[in-house]
Amino acid sequence: MEDEERQAFLNAAIDWVEATWGETACPYCGNRYWEVGSPFVLETASRDELTPHFPVMCSNCGNTVLVNAFRAGLLPEPDEE
């Protein structure tokens, strides 16, 4: 992923988190501020496929949630291309 494409993805991911999670608090520390990390690919065990994810991290305690970029609607599913 090139720098411009990566930045556009990160901006879209931030918008998605803000729209979807809103003021959702971290379940561990109660903080309401989140940071979005760079996307990466995970291989699924059940389907032997690669799926893009991005981390969403609590800015206080570091609790991290992985979000599937396909399910978030940030990238088209492979069969939709």
PDB file of N, CA and C in Angstrom:
ATOM      1  N   MET A   1       0.855  -1.166   0.000  1.00  0.00           N
ATOM      2  CA  MET A   1       0.000   0.000   0.000  1.00  0.00           C
ATOM      3  C   MET A   1       0.907   1.236   0.000  1.00  0.00           C
ATOM      4  N   GLU A   2       0.722   2.116  -0.970  1.00  0.00           N
ATOM      5  CA  GLU A   2       1.542   3.312  -1.070  1.00  0.00           C
ATOM      6  C   GLU A   2       1.101   4.356  -0.046  1.00  0.00           C
ATOM      7  N   ASP A   3       1.945   5.355   0.200  1.00  0.00           N
ATOM      8  CA  ASP A   3       1.685   6.342   1.253  1.00  0.00           C
ATOM      9  C   ASP A   3       0.334   7.040   1.108  1.00  0.00           C
ATOM     10  N   GLU A   4       0.006   7.505  -0.092  1.00  0.00           N
ATOM     11  CA  GLU A   4      -1.275   8.204  -0.288  1.00  0.00           C
ATOM     12  C   GLU A   4      -2.461   7.268  -0.070  1.00  0.00           C
ATOM     13  N   GLU A   5      -2.338   6.057  -0.589  1.00  0.00           N
ATOM     14  CA  GLU A   5      -3.396   5.058  -0.426  1.00  0.00           C
ATOM     15  C   GLU A   5      -3.543   4.670   1.054  1.00  0.00           C
ATOM     16  N   ARG A   6      -2.422   4.518   1.737  1.00  0.00           N
ATOM     17  CA  ARG A   6      -2.432   4.186   3.158  1.00  0.00           C
ATOM     18  C   ARG A   6      -3.085   5.300   3.961  1.00  0.00           C
ATOM     19  N   GLN A   7      -2.744   6.549   3.669  1.00  0.00           N
ATOM     20  CA  GLN A   7      -3.319   7.673   4.400  1.00  0.00           C
ATOM     21  C   GLN A   7      -4.820   7.781   4.143  1.00  0.00           C
ATOM     22  N   ALA A   8      -5.243   7.551   2.906  1.00  0.00           N
ATOM     23  CA  ALA A   8      -6.678   7.583   2.587  1.00  0.00           C
ATOM     24  C   ALA A   8      -7.408   6.481   3.354  1.00  0.00           C
ATOM     25  N   PHE A   9      -6.798   5.291   3.434  1.00  0.00           N
ATOM     26  CA  PHE A   9      -7.406   4.200   4.196  1.00  0.00           C
ATOM     27  C   PHE A   9      -7.506   4.568   5.666  1.00  0.00           C
ATOM     28  N   LEU A  10      -6.428   5.103   6.241  1.00  0.00           N
ATOM     29  CA  LEU A  10      -6.436   5.474   7.655  1.00  0.00           C
ATOM     30  C   LEU A  10      -7.499   6.530   7.942  1.00  0.00           C
ATOM     31  N   ASN A  11      -7.644   7.510   7.055  1.00  0.00           N
ATOM     32  CA  ASN A  11      -8.679   8.531   7.231  1.00  0.00           C
ATOM     33  C   ASN A  11     -10.067   7.902   7.205  1.00  0.00           C
ATOM     34  N   ALA A  12     -10.286   6.965   6.282  1.00  0.00           N
ATOM     35  CA  ALA A  12     -11.578   6.277   6.199  1.00  0.00           C
ATOM     36  C   ALA A  12     -11.807   5.424   7.444  1.00  0.00           C
ATOM     37  N   ALA A  13     -10.760   4.773   7.945  1.00  0.00           N
ATOM     38  CA  ALA A  13     -10.877   3.946   9.148  1.00  0.00           C
ATOM     39  C   ALA A  13     -11.206   4.813  10.366  1.00  0.00           C
ATOM     40  N   ILE A  14     -10.581   5.967  10.477  1.00  0.00           N
ATOM     41  CA  ILE A  14     -10.873   6.889  11.578  1.00  0.00           C
ATOM     42  C   ILE A  14     -12.330   7.336  11.504  1.00  0.00           C
ATOM     43  N   ASP A  15     -12.779   7.697  10.307  1.00  0.00           N
ATOM     44  CA  ASP A  15     -14.177   8.095  10.131  1.00  0.00           C
ATOM     45  C   ASP A  15     -15.118   6.962  10.519  1.00  0.00           C
ATOM     46  N   TRP A  16     -14.767   5.722  10.137  1.00  0.00           N
ATOM     47  CA  TRP A  16     -15.596   4.564  10.466  1.00  0.00           C
ATOM     48  C   TRP A  16     -15.684   4.370  11.981  1.00  0.00           C
ATOM     49  N   VAL A  17     -14.542   4.463  12.664  1.00  0.00           N
ATOM     50  CA  VAL A  17     -14.529   4.292  14.120  1.00  0.00           C
ATOM     51  C   VAL A  17     -15.381   5.367  14.781  1.00  0.00           C
ATOM     52  N   GLU A  18     -15.219   6.615  14.356  1.00  0.00           N
ATOM     53  CA  GLU A  18     -15.997   7.702  14.948  1.00  0.00           C
ATOM     54  C   GLU A  18     -17.497   7.514  14.710  1.00  0.00           C
ATOM     55  N   ALA A  19     -17.876   7.087  13.507  1.00  0.00           N
ATOM     56  CA  ALA A  19     -19.292   6.915  13.175  1.00  0.00           C
ATOM     57  C   ALA A  19     -19.893   5.672  13.824  1.00  0.00           C
ATOM     58  N   THR A  20     -19.114   4.607  13.921  1.00  0.00           N
ATOM     59  CA  THR A  20     -19.621   3.328  14.415  1.00  0.00           C
ATOM     60  C   THR A  20     -19.523   3.208  15.931  1.00  0.00           C
ATOM     61  N   TRP A  21     -18.410   3.610  16.501  1.00  0.00           N
ATOM     62  CA  TRP A  21     -18.194   3.464  17.932  1.00  0.00           C
ATOM     63  C   TRP A  21     -18.645   4.685  18.724  1.00  0.00           C
ATOM     64  N   GLY A  22     -18.626   5.857  18.090  1.00  0.00           N
ATOM     65  CA  GLY A  22     -19.028   7.066  18.800  1.00  0.00           C
ATOM     66  C   GLY A  22     -18.222   7.262  20.073  1.00  0.00           C
ATOM     67  N   GLU A  23     -18.908   7.346  21.184  1.00  0.00           N
ATOM     68  CA  GLU A  23     -18.271   7.564  22.488  1.00  0.00           C
ATOM     69  C   GLU A  23     -18.064   6.258  23.263  1.00  0.00           C
ATOM     70  N   THR A  24     -17.918   5.154  22.556  1.00  0.00           N
ATOM     71  CA  THR A  24     -17.718   3.865  23.210  1.00  0.00           C
ATOM     72  C   THR A  24     -16.461   3.907  24.079  1.00  0.00           C
ATOM     73  N   ALA A  25     -16.616   3.502  25.319  1.00  0.00           N
ATOM     74  CA  ALA A  25     -15.488   3.497  26.242  1.00  0.00           C
ATOM     75  C   ALA A  25     -14.723   2.184  26.166  1.00  0.00           C
ATOM     76  N   CYS A  26     -13.449   2.247  26.448  1.00  0.00           N
ATOM     77  CA  CYS A  26     -12.625   1.047  26.544  1.00  0.00           C
ATOM     78  C   CYS A  26     -13.169   0.186  27.680  1.00  0.00           C
ATOM     79  N   PRO A  27     -13.364  -1.109  27.454  1.00  0.00           N
ATOM     80  CA  PRO A  27     -13.911  -1.953  28.506  1.00  0.00           C
ATOM     81  C   PRO A  27     -12.956  -2.172  29.676  1.00  0.00           C
ATOM     82  N   TYR A  28     -11.688  -1.841  29.528  1.00  0.00           N
ATOM     83  CA  TYR A  28     -10.715  -2.074  30.594  1.00  0.00           C
ATOM     84  C   TYR A  28     -10.457  -0.847  31.456  1.00  0.00           C
ATOM     85  N   CYS A  29     -10.378   0.341  30.833  1.00  0.00           N
ATOM     86  CA  CYS A  29     -10.019   1.527  31.616  1.00  0.00           C
ATOM     87  C   CYS A  29     -11.058   2.648  31.553  1.00  0.00           C
ATOM     88  N   GLY A  30     -12.047   2.526  30.663  1.00  0.00           N
ATOM     89  CA  GLY A  30     -13.094   3.533  30.568  1.00  0.00           C
ATOM     90  C   GLY A  30     -12.746   4.730  29.703  1.00  0.00           C
ATOM     91  N   ASN A  31     -11.551   4.774  29.147  1.00  0.00           N
ATOM     92  CA  ASN A  31     -11.135   5.863  28.266  1.00  0.00           C
ATOM     93  C   ASN A  31     -12.016   5.895  27.017  1.00  0.00           C
ATOM     94  N   ARG A  32     -12.293   7.060  26.492  1.00  0.00           N
ATOM     95  CA  ARG A  32     -13.138   7.183  25.303  1.00  0.00           C
ATOM     96  C   ARG A  32     -12.366   7.651  24.064  1.00  0.00           C
ATOM     97  N   TYR A  33     -11.058   7.609  24.117  1.00  0.00           N
ATOM     98  CA  TYR A  33     -10.247   8.044  22.984  1.00  0.00           C
ATOM     99  C   TYR A  33      -9.512   6.848  22.387  1.00  0.00           C
ATOM    100  N   TRP A  34      -9.637   6.718  21.069  1.00  0.00           N
ATOM    101  CA  TRP A  34      -9.081   5.579  20.347  1.00  0.00           C
ATOM    102  C   TRP A  34      -8.133   6.063  19.262  1.00  0.00           C
ATOM    103  N   GLU A  35      -7.174   5.234  18.916  1.00  0.00           N
ATOM    104  CA  GLU A  35      -6.239   5.503  17.829  1.00  0.00           C
ATOM    105  C   GLU A  35      -6.343   4.373  16.817  1.00  0.00           C
ATOM    106  N   VAL A  36      -6.190   4.717  15.549  1.00  0.00           N
ATOM    107  CA  VAL A  36      -6.267   3.733  14.474  1.00  0.00           C
ATOM    108  C   VAL A  36      -4.863   3.480  13.937  1.00  0.00           C
ATOM    109  N   GLY A  37      -4.518   2.202  13.767  1.00  0.00           N
ATOM    110  CA  GLY A  37      -3.199   1.835  13.269  1.00  0.00           C
ATOM    111  C   GLY A  37      -3.218   1.416  11.808  1.00  0.00           C
ATOM    112  N   SER A  38      -2.059   1.194  11.282  1.00  0.00           N
ATOM    113  CA  SER A  38      -1.890   0.813   9.878  1.00  0.00           C
ATOM    114  C   SER A  38      -2.513  -0.540   9.579  1.00  0.00           C
ATOM    115  N   PRO A  39      -3.102  -0.677   8.397  1.00  0.00           N
ATOM    116  CA  PRO A  39      -3.717  -1.949   8.021  1.00  0.00           C
ATOM    117  C   PRO A  39      -2.668  -3.034   7.768  1.00  0.00           C
ATOM    118  N   PHE A  40      -3.082  -4.262   7.972  1.00  0.00           N
ATOM    119  CA  PHE A  40      -2.231  -5.412   7.681  1.00  0.00           C
ATOM    120  C   PHE A  40      -3.142  -6.582   7.314  1.00  0.00           C
ATOM    121  N   VAL A  41      -2.555  -7.668   6.873  1.00  0.00           N
ATOM    122  CA  VAL A  41      -3.326  -8.808   6.389  1.00  0.00           C
ATOM    123  C   VAL A  41      -3.164  -9.993   7.341  1.00  0.00           C
ATOM    124  N   LEU A  42      -4.276 -10.653   7.638  1.00  0.00           N
ATOM    125  CA  LEU A  42      -4.287 -11.881   8.434  1.00  0.00           C
ATOM    126  C   LEU A  42      -4.772 -13.026   7.566  1.00  0.00           C
ATOM    127  N   GLU A  43      -4.223 -14.191   7.780  1.00  0.00           N
ATOM    128  CA  GLU A  43      -4.699 -15.375   7.082  1.00  0.00           C
ATOM    129  C   GLU A  43      -5.706 -16.088   7.973  1.00  0.00           C
ATOM    130  N   THR A  44      -6.867 -16.387   7.427  1.00  0.00           N
ATOM    131  CA  THR A  44      -7.885 -17.084   8.209  1.00  0.00           C
ATOM    132  C   THR A  44      -7.606 -18.580   8.185  1.00  0.00           C
ATOM    133  N   ALA A  45      -7.816 -19.223   9.303  1.00  0.00           N
ATOM    134  CA  ALA A  45      -7.560 -20.659   9.409  1.00  0.00           C
ATOM    135  C   ALA A  45      -8.644 -21.477   8.725  1.00  0.00           C
ATOM    136  N   SER A  46      -9.881 -21.025   8.818  1.00  0.00           N
ATOM    137  CA  SER A  46     -10.991 -21.822   8.295  1.00  0.00           C
ATOM    138  C   SER A  46     -11.126 -21.742   6.782  1.00  0.00           C
ATOM    139  N   ARG A  47     -10.723 -20.637   6.188  1.00  0.00           N
ATOM    140  CA  ARG A  47     -10.948 -20.478   4.761  1.00  0.00           C
ATOM    141  C   ARG A  47      -9.659 -20.374   3.961  1.00  0.00           C
ATOM    142  N   ASP A  48      -8.537 -20.334   4.660  1.00  0.00           N
ATOM    143  CA  ASP A  48      -7.242 -20.218   3.997  1.00  0.00           C
ATOM    144  C   ASP A  48      -7.210 -19.013   3.056  1.00  0.00           C
ATOM    145  N   GLU A  49      -7.721 -17.896   3.552  1.00  0.00           N
ATOM    146  CA  GLU A  49      -7.743 -16.659   2.774  1.00  0.00           C
ATOM    147  C   GLU A  49      -7.003 -15.570   3.531  1.00  0.00           C
ATOM    148  N   LEU A  50      -6.657 -14.530   2.821  1.00  0.00           N
ATOM    149  CA  LEU A  50      -6.040 -13.365   3.436  1.00  0.00           C
ATOM    150  C   LEU A  50      -7.103 -12.291   3.600  1.00  0.00           C
ATOM    151  N   THR A  51      -7.176 -11.697   4.787  1.00  0.00           N
ATOM    152  CA  THR A  51      -8.155 -10.644   5.022  1.00  0.00           C
ATOM    153  C   THR A  51      -7.470  -9.429   5.638  1.00  0.00           C
ATOM    154  N   PRO A  52      -7.780  -8.238   5.122  1.00  0.00           N
ATOM    155  CA  PRO A  52      -7.173  -7.023   5.653  1.00  0.00           C
ATOM    156  C   PRO A  52      -7.860  -6.591   6.951  1.00  0.00           C
ATOM    157  N   HIS A  53      -7.068  -6.192   7.907  1.00  0.00           N
ATOM    158  CA  HIS A  53      -7.550  -5.717   9.203  1.00  0.00           C
ATOM    159  C   HIS A  53      -6.835  -4.420   9.551  1.00  0.00           C
ATOM    160  N   PHE A  54      -7.421  -3.676  10.481  1.00  0.00           N
ATOM    161  CA  PHE A  54      -6.717  -2.535  11.051  1.00  0.00           C
ATOM    162  C   PHE A  54      -6.945  -2.535  12.558  1.00  0.00           C
ATOM    163  N   PRO A  55      -5.905  -2.152  13.317  1.00  0.00           N
ATOM    164  CA  PRO A  55      -6.043  -2.125  14.766  1.00  0.00           C
ATOM    165  C   PRO A  55      -6.660  -0.808  15.230  1.00  0.00           C
ATOM    166  N   VAL A  56      -7.497  -0.903  16.263  1.00  0.00           N
ATOM    167  CA  VAL A  56      -8.033   0.271  16.947  1.00  0.00           C
ATOM    168  C   VAL A  56      -7.583   0.119  18.395  1.00  0.00           C
ATOM    169  N   MET A  57      -6.793   1.095  18.875  1.00  0.00           N
ATOM    170  CA  MET A  57      -6.151   0.976  20.173  1.00  0.00           C
ATOM    171  C   MET A  57      -6.631   2.054  21.126  1.00  0.00           C
ATOM    172  N   CYS A  58      -6.867   1.673  22.368  1.00  0.00           N
ATOM    173  CA  CYS A  58      -7.191   2.632  23.425  1.00  0.00           C
ATOM    174  C   CYS A  58      -5.967   3.523  23.618  1.00  0.00           C
ATOM    175  N   SER A  59      -6.187   4.839  23.593  1.00  0.00           N
ATOM    176  CA  SER A  59      -5.050   5.749  23.741  1.00  0.00           C
ATOM    177  C   SER A  59      -4.534   5.825  25.173  1.00  0.00           C
ATOM    178  N   ASN A  60      -5.229   5.189  26.118  1.00  0.00           N
ATOM    179  CA  ASN A  60      -4.780   5.201  27.505  1.00  0.00           C
ATOM    180  C   ASN A  60      -4.066   3.903  27.879  1.00  0.00           C
ATOM    181  N   CYS A  61      -4.768   2.776  27.820  1.00  0.00           N
ATOM    182  CA  CYS A  61      -4.192   1.510  28.303  1.00  0.00           C
ATOM    183  C   CYS A  61      -3.620   0.627  27.197  1.00  0.00           C
ATOM    184  N   GLY A  62      -3.932   0.932  25.940  1.00  0.00           N
ATOM    185  CA  GLY A  62      -3.386   0.150  24.839  1.00  0.00           C
ATOM    186  C   GLY A  62      -4.219  -1.045  24.422  1.00  0.00           C
ATOM    187  N   ASN A  63      -5.359  -1.268  25.076  1.00  0.00           N
ATOM    188  CA  ASN A  63      -6.253  -2.343  24.639  1.00  0.00           C
ATOM    189  C   ASN A  63      -6.453  -2.207  23.130  1.00  0.00           C
ATOM    190  N   THR A  64      -6.306  -3.302  22.412  1.00  0.00           N
ATOM    191  CA  THR A  64      -6.365  -3.252  20.952  1.00  0.00           C
ATOM    192  C   THR A  64      -7.414  -4.212  20.418  1.00  0.00           C
ATOM    193  N   VAL A  65      -8.208  -3.699  19.483  1.00  0.00           N
ATOM    194  CA  VAL A  65      -9.235  -4.476  18.805  1.00  0.00           C
ATOM    195  C   VAL A  65      -8.867  -4.503  17.330  1.00  0.00           C
ATOM    196  N   LEU A  66      -8.981  -5.665  16.694  1.00  0.00           N
ATOM    197  CA  LEU A  66      -8.730  -5.770  15.258  1.00  0.00           C
ATOM    198  C   LEU A  66     -10.065  -5.723  14.526  1.00  0.00           C
ATOM    199  N   VAL A  67     -10.141  -4.876  13.512  1.00  0.00           N
ATOM    200  CA  VAL A  67     -11.367  -4.717  12.732  1.00  0.00           C
ATOM    201  C   VAL A  67     -11.099  -5.199  11.310  1.00  0.00           C
ATOM    202  N   ASN A  68     -11.963  -6.052  10.802  1.00  0.00           N
ATOM    203  CA  ASN A  68     -11.868  -6.561   9.441  1.00  0.00           C
ATOM    204  C   ASN A  68     -12.291  -5.439   8.484  1.00  0.00           C
ATOM    205  N   ALA A  69     -11.408  -5.036   7.597  1.00  0.00           N
ATOM    206  CA  ALA A  69     -11.682  -3.932   6.678  1.00  0.00           C
ATOM    207  C   ALA A  69     -12.794  -4.266   5.691  1.00  0.00           C
ATOM    208  N   PHE A  70     -12.960  -5.547   5.333  1.00  0.00           N
ATOM    209  CA  PHE A  70     -14.077  -5.943   4.473  1.00  0.00           C
ATOM    210  C   PHE A  70     -15.399  -5.720   5.196  1.00  0.00           C
ATOM    211  N   ARG A  71     -15.493  -6.221   6.436  1.00  0.00           N
ATOM    212  CA  ARG A  71     -16.739  -6.129   7.204  1.00  0.00           C
ATOM    213  C   ARG A  71     -17.086  -4.688   7.553  1.00  0.00           C
ATOM    214  N   ALA A  72     -16.054  -3.849   7.709  1.00  0.00           N
ATOM    215  CA  ALA A  72     -16.275  -2.427   7.996  1.00  0.00           C
ATOM    216  C   ALA A  72     -16.697  -1.663   6.737  1.00  0.00           C
ATOM    217  N   GLY A  73     -16.594  -2.314   5.574  1.00  0.00           N
ATOM    218  CA  GLY A  73     -16.975  -1.669   4.323  1.00  0.00           C
ATOM    219  C   GLY A  73     -15.934  -0.713   3.778  1.00  0.00           C
ATOM    220  N   LEU A  74     -14.705  -0.814   4.262  1.00  0.00           N
ATOM    221  CA  LEU A  74     -13.649   0.077   3.801  1.00  0.00           C
ATOM    222  C   LEU A  74     -12.935  -0.435   2.551  1.00  0.00           C
ATOM    223  N   LEU A  75     -13.046  -1.722   2.311  1.00  0.00           N
ATOM    224  CA  LEU A  75     -12.501  -2.337   1.112  1.00  0.00           C
ATOM    225  C   LEU A  75     -13.532  -3.297   0.547  1.00  0.00           C
ATOM    226  N   PRO A  76     -13.590  -3.425  -0.778  1.00  0.00           N
ATOM    227  CA  PRO A  76     -14.570  -4.367  -1.348  1.00  0.00           C
ATOM    228  C   PRO A  76     -14.159  -5.818  -1.102  1.00  0.00           C
ATOM    229  N   GLU A  77     -15.148  -6.660  -0.847  1.00  0.00           N
ATOM    230  CA  GLU A  77     -14.887  -8.102  -0.718  1.00  0.00           C
ATOM    231  C   GLU A  77     -14.283  -8.582  -2.045  1.00  0.00           C
ATOM    232  N   PRO A  78     -13.409  -9.597  -2.013  1.00  0.00           N
ATOM    233  CA  PRO A  78     -12.755 -10.060  -3.247  1.00  0.00           C
ATOM    234  C   PRO A  78     -13.722 -10.409  -4.366  1.00  0.00           C
ATOM    235  N   ASP A  79     -14.876 -10.997  -4.059  1.00  0.00           N
ATOM    236  CA  ASP A  79     -15.822 -11.360  -5.114  1.00  0.00           C
ATOM    237  C   ASP A  79     -16.644 -10.184  -5.601  1.00  0.00           C
ATOM    238  N   GLU A  80     -16.491  -8.999  -4.973  1.00  0.00           N
ATOM    239  CA  GLU A  80     -17.190  -7.806  -5.396  1.00  0.00           C
ATOM    240  C   GLU A  80     -16.387  -6.979  -6.385  1.00  0.00           C
ATOM    241  N   GLU A  81     -15.121  -7.314  -6.559  1.00  0.00           N
ATOM    242  CA  GLU A  81     -14.249  -6.523  -7.441  1.00  0.00           C
ATOM    243  C   GLU A  81     -14.532  -6.805  -8.893  1.00  0.00           C
TER     244      GLU A  81
END
